[in-house]
Each structure stands twice: as C-alpha cells, then as structure tokens.
Protein backbone atom coordinates (compact mmCIF):
# COMPACT_ATOMS: atom_id res chain seq x y z
CA MET A 1 181.31 87.34 97.71
CA PRO A 2 179.22 83.74 98.17
CA GLU A 3 179.73 82.35 101.98
CA ARG A 4 181.65 79.44 103.01
CA ASP A 5 183.17 77.68 105.79
CA THR A 6 185.22 79.56 107.59
CA PRO A 7 185.79 80.43 111.49
CA GLY A 8 183.62 83.15 111.28
CA GLY A 9 180.88 81.08 110.48
CA PRO A 10 179.21 78.20 108.09
CA ALA A 11 178.17 78.40 104.59
CA PRO A 12 174.36 77.83 104.14
CA GLN A 13 173.60 74.68 103.06
CA ARG A 14 172.17 75.50 99.33
CA GLN A 15 176.24 76.48 98.94
CA HIS A 16 177.14 72.44 100.25
CA ASN A 17 174.26 71.08 97.60
CA GLU A 18 176.16 73.62 94.83
CA ASP A 19 179.74 72.22 95.69
CA ARG A 20 178.44 68.34 96.48
CA MET A 21 176.65 68.49 92.71
CA ARG A 22 179.89 69.86 91.32
CA ARG A 23 182.15 67.34 92.84
CA ALA A 24 180.14 64.27 92.09
CA ARG A 25 179.45 65.57 88.41
CA SER A 26 183.17 66.65 87.90
CA TRP A 27 184.30 62.58 88.19
CA LEU A 28 181.24 61.49 86.07
CA ALA A 29 183.14 63.45 83.37
CA ARG A 30 186.16 62.18 83.77
CA SER A 31 184.95 58.94 84.05
CA ARG A 32 183.93 59.21 80.38
CA GLN A 33 186.98 60.65 78.95
CA ALA A 34 188.37 58.30 76.32
CA GLY A 35 191.17 56.11 77.07
CA ALA A 36 189.85 54.92 81.06
CA GLU A 37 190.99 51.60 81.59
CA GLU A 38 187.61 49.50 83.17
CA VAL A 39 189.52 50.08 86.44
CA GLU A 40 190.05 53.85 86.16
CA ARG A 41 186.49 54.41 85.27
CA PHE A 42 184.85 52.08 88.03
CA MET A 43 187.51 54.64 90.71
CA PHE A 44 185.79 57.36 89.15
CA LEU A 45 182.66 56.65 89.65
CA TRP A 46 183.02 55.28 92.83
CA ILE A 47 184.77 59.14 93.35
CA ALA A 48 181.42 60.48 92.28
CA PHE A 49 179.01 58.39 93.92
CA ASN A 50 181.13 58.98 97.09
CA ALA A 51 180.65 62.52 96.75
CA ALA A 52 177.30 62.22 96.45
CA TYR A 53 176.55 60.55 99.38
CA GLY A 54 179.47 61.45 101.91
CA ASN A 55 178.51 63.99 104.34
CA GLU A 56 180.31 65.78 107.48
CA ALA A 57 178.80 63.92 109.97
CA ALA A 58 179.60 60.62 108.16
CA LEU A 59 183.43 61.89 108.09
CA ARG A 60 182.94 62.92 111.86
CA ASP A 61 181.89 59.88 112.93
CA PHE A 62 184.76 58.07 111.60
CA VAL A 63 187.34 60.48 112.79
CA GLU A 64 186.01 60.46 115.99
CA ARG A 65 185.24 56.37 115.95
CA GLU A 66 181.62 57.19 117.10
CA ASP A 67 179.67 55.27 114.35
CA GLU A 68 178.24 51.80 115.67
CA ARG A 69 175.71 51.85 113.17
CA GLY A 70 177.40 49.46 110.34
CA GLY A 71 179.97 52.01 108.75
CA GLU A 72 180.80 53.32 105.42
CA SER A 73 177.93 51.06 104.06
CA TYR A 74 175.15 51.65 106.56
CA ARG A 75 175.54 55.54 105.36
CA PHE A 76 175.12 54.61 101.82
CA ARG A 77 171.96 52.37 102.38
CA THR A 78 170.35 55.61 104.08
CA PHE A 79 171.66 57.51 100.88
CA LEU A 80 170.11 55.02 98.74
CA ARG A 81 167.38 55.06 100.64
CA ASN A 82 166.39 59.07 100.22
CA ILE A 83 167.40 58.29 96.25
CA VAL A 84 164.51 56.01 95.95
CA GLU A 85 161.97 58.23 97.98
CA LYS A 86 162.95 60.72 95.58
CA ASP A 87 162.90 58.99 92.57
CA ALA A 88 159.54 60.46 91.13
CA ASN A 89 160.06 58.85 88.26
CA ARG A 90 161.28 55.79 88.62
CA ILE A 91 164.29 55.98 86.95
CA LEU A 92 166.18 53.69 88.68
CA GLU A 93 163.36 51.06 88.60
CA ARG A 94 163.92 51.17 85.07
CA ILE A 95 167.57 50.43 85.03
CA VAL A 96 167.48 47.93 87.51
CA TRP A 97 164.82 45.96 85.39
CA ASP A 98 167.02 46.73 82.15
CA GLU A 99 170.29 45.56 83.32
CA PHE A 100 169.08 42.88 86.39
CA SER A 101 169.38 40.12 83.57
CA GLY A 102 173.25 41.16 82.38
CA PRO A 103 175.92 42.29 84.65
CA ILE A 104 173.83 43.19 87.65
CA ARG A 105 173.05 39.05 87.63
CA VAL A 106 176.40 37.70 86.89
CA LEU A 107 178.06 40.61 89.55
CA LEU A 108 175.59 39.03 92.60
CA ALA A 109 176.47 35.62 91.38
CA ASN A 110 180.09 36.07 91.63
CA PRO A 111 181.58 35.42 94.83
CA TYR A 112 184.40 37.34 94.52
CA VAL A 113 182.64 40.57 95.48
CA PHE A 114 180.62 38.34 98.43
CA ARG A 115 181.65 39.74 101.86
CA PRO A 116 180.72 36.06 103.21
CA PHE A 117 183.40 34.46 100.94
CA TRP A 118 186.51 36.60 102.22
CA ARG A 119 185.33 35.74 105.67
CA SER A 120 185.57 32.66 105.03
CA VAL A 121 188.74 32.64 103.63
CA TRP A 122 190.31 35.02 106.27
CA SER A 123 188.99 32.57 109.05
CA SER A 124 187.95 28.97 108.85
CA GLU A 125 185.49 29.37 111.44
CA GLN A 126 183.63 32.00 110.48
CA ASP A 127 181.15 31.48 107.51
CA ARG A 128 181.79 27.93 105.75
CA ASP A 129 178.41 27.78 104.58
CA TRP A 130 179.13 30.81 102.22
CA ARG A 131 177.36 29.21 99.22
CA LEU A 132 174.35 28.64 101.00
CA SER A 133 174.44 32.59 101.98
CA LEU A 134 175.66 33.35 98.29
CA ALA A 135 172.25 31.62 96.83
CA GLY A 136 169.96 33.29 99.50
CA SER A 137 171.34 36.69 98.74
CA LYS A 138 170.51 36.24 95.19
CA LYS A 139 166.94 35.05 95.83
CA VAL A 140 166.40 38.10 98.08
CA ALA A 141 167.69 40.17 95.10
CA GLY A 142 165.15 38.45 92.88
CA ALA A 143 162.15 38.43 94.88
CA ALA A 144 162.67 42.10 95.58
CA LEU A 145 163.16 43.12 92.26
CA THR A 146 159.68 41.01 91.48
CA ARG A 147 157.65 42.98 94.02
CA ARG A 148 159.51 46.86 92.94
CA ASP A 149 161.11 46.69 95.70
CA ILE A 150 164.18 48.74 94.38
CA PHE A 151 165.76 50.11 97.68
CA THR A 152 166.69 45.94 98.60
CA VAL A 153 168.33 45.10 95.08
CA LEU A 154 170.26 48.66 95.11
CA SER A 155 171.34 47.89 98.99
CA VAL A 156 172.49 43.81 97.71
CA VAL A 157 174.59 45.21 94.37
CA PHE A 158 175.85 47.73 96.65
CA ASP A 159 176.90 46.00 99.43
CA ARG A 160 178.74 43.62 96.27
CA LEU A 161 180.06 47.28 94.66
CA TYR A 162 181.39 48.16 98.11
CA THR A 163 183.51 44.80 98.40
CA LEU A 164 184.81 45.30 95.00
CA ARG A 165 185.80 49.27 95.83
CA ASN A 166 187.84 47.81 98.67
CA GLN A 167 189.23 45.31 96.69
CA ILE A 168 190.57 47.73 94.25
CA PHE A 169 191.54 50.53 97.06
CA HIS A 170 193.58 47.96 99.23
CA GLY A 171 195.74 47.05 96.29
CA GLY A 172 193.82 43.29 95.96
CA ALA A 173 193.65 43.93 92.24
CA THR A 174 196.58 44.11 89.49
CA TRP A 175 197.09 46.79 87.44
CA PRO A 176 195.44 46.36 84.48
CA ALA A 177 193.55 43.32 83.92
CA GLY A 178 194.87 40.71 87.10
CA PHE A 179 192.26 38.98 89.51
CA GLY A 180 189.43 40.88 89.58
CA ARG A 181 188.79 42.03 86.23
CA ASP A 182 185.33 40.67 84.95
CA GLN A 183 184.49 41.87 88.21
CA ILE A 184 185.40 45.07 87.72
CA ARG A 185 184.24 44.87 84.55
CA ASP A 186 180.79 44.65 85.49
CA GLY A 187 180.72 46.89 88.60
CA SER A 188 182.18 49.94 86.13
CA ARG A 189 179.06 48.99 83.61
CA ILE A 190 176.48 48.89 86.66
CA MET A 191 177.85 52.31 87.96
CA ALA A 192 178.05 53.83 84.57
CA SER A 193 174.69 53.38 84.48
CA LEU A 194 173.32 53.93 88.19
CA VAL A 195 175.64 56.97 88.98
CA PRO A 196 174.55 59.36 86.60
CA ALA A 197 170.79 58.79 87.48
CA ILE A 198 171.46 59.01 91.26
CA LEU A 199 172.58 62.65 90.55
CA ASP A 200 169.97 63.52 88.56
CA ILE A 201 167.23 62.71 90.91
CA MET A 202 169.77 64.54 93.71
CA GLN A 203 169.84 67.63 91.21
CA ALA A 204 165.65 67.39 90.46
CA ASP A 205 165.38 67.74 94.48
CA ILE A 206 168.02 70.06 94.58
CA GLY A 207 166.17 72.45 91.95
CA GLN A 208 163.02 72.30 93.78
CA ASN A 209 164.50 73.04 97.07
CA PRO A 210 168.02 74.83 96.80
CA ASP A 211 168.33 74.55 100.64
CA SER A 212 167.21 70.93 101.56
CA GLU A 213 168.80 69.80 103.83
CA LEU A 214 168.62 65.91 103.38
CA TRP A 215 171.99 65.49 101.88
CA GLY A 216 173.88 66.79 104.56
CA LYS A 217 176.60 69.53 104.36
CA VAL A 218 179.87 68.27 102.71
CA ALA A 219 182.40 66.60 104.46
CA TYR A 220 185.45 68.57 102.92
CA PRO A 221 183.61 72.24 102.41
CA ARG A 222 185.14 75.00 100.51
CA ILE A 223 187.37 77.27 102.25
CA ASN A 224 188.18 79.81 99.75
CA PRO A 225 185.43 82.28 97.64
CA GLU A 226 186.13 80.29 94.33
CA PRO A 227 185.15 76.71 93.41
CA GLU A 228 187.78 74.72 93.52
C-alpha cells in the first residue's frame, strides 16, 4: 500500500510528484475531448496548468493570508522560471518563436487582458496612460524574444492569460460567445501549445529524479490508498 498523507505521517515526495502529473494530465486530456467549446478548453487547460504549479505552501499562504510577494501571479512566475531552467531541449523557445507572430502577438495587443486597462476602468485616478503601458509591455516581450529571454516572454504572456482566467472564472464573459470571445480563442490556442510542453518538461525532470522537491507538495494530497 503506498504511503499517503494522514495524521500518522506525510507521503513521500515522489508520490506528490506522481499525483501532480496524473492530475494535470487528466485535465489536459479533458481539454482535448471532442466538442469542447473554446472557453471550456481554456478552463480545462488552466486547471491542468494550476495542477502543475500549485503546491501546499502556496495554498497555505493563501489560507493564512501570509503571502505578501505578489500572490498567485508571483507563484506561477516562479514556477515558469523553474520550467525554463529545466527545458534542456528548448521546447518552449521553439513554441514561443513559432507562435509569437500569431496568437501570442494578438493576445499581447488585446487591452481586455491587460491589467492596467481594467484598473483604469475601475478607478479614473489609476493607470490613465494604460495605452503607453500596453505599448511598453509589447516592446518588452518583443525585445525579450530577440535576445531569447523566454522566461520574460512567458511571464508577459501568462500575465495576460491570468487576467483572462480571472475574467472567465469571475463571470466576466457571456456563455458561449459574448464579450471576450477573441481573447478566449487566442488564449486557449496558446495554452494548448504550452501546457503539454510544460508537463513534458516536468515529467522528464521527475523521471530523472522521482524524489525531486523542486515542484513542491500538492496542495490537496491523496488521502486514500488508491489514486482519486
């Protein structure tokens, strides 16, 4: 019987790694099922991504209100840095390079997934020059791509995707094809390329070291002997 988190003792790190990958891949598989709408695909892909980067420490910070370092976006940027460092075959670089002129560039130009735009909507005293900020952000991403700084490009892209995620999960779009349709389409296409690659990079690292602590413990550990 495999060890698991119980009052009698914690599960070994390799079980956390196995459970993390199994859960993430299950949601990735769900996103690929026939008939899924773009918004459904995006939601399932984000859950797969969240299963990959989320961990016990992050959830504890959230519950106890102790994390002052930038919240969820800070955590997935830390995760992305680890992923880029482990990407020995530069898979992510090829994906970003191939897609930058397509859905990524379109997403970066869309103000509706740019946080300063929404801050300007919420308060007339904040970010009134969001257009300048948007232009600057696109310039940063373009310059980072030129110098092969894939971490910076991904950080900018996922910042947009996180805003899109919030828009969907907080009910800021109409089902199935209301406000936000274009960004949902582009976001789901980008995630459909990046998430499988991210999981493959993690799987390769865990395959080399099943007890790797780089990815942390899953936020919701397995309680029962059999996988859920």
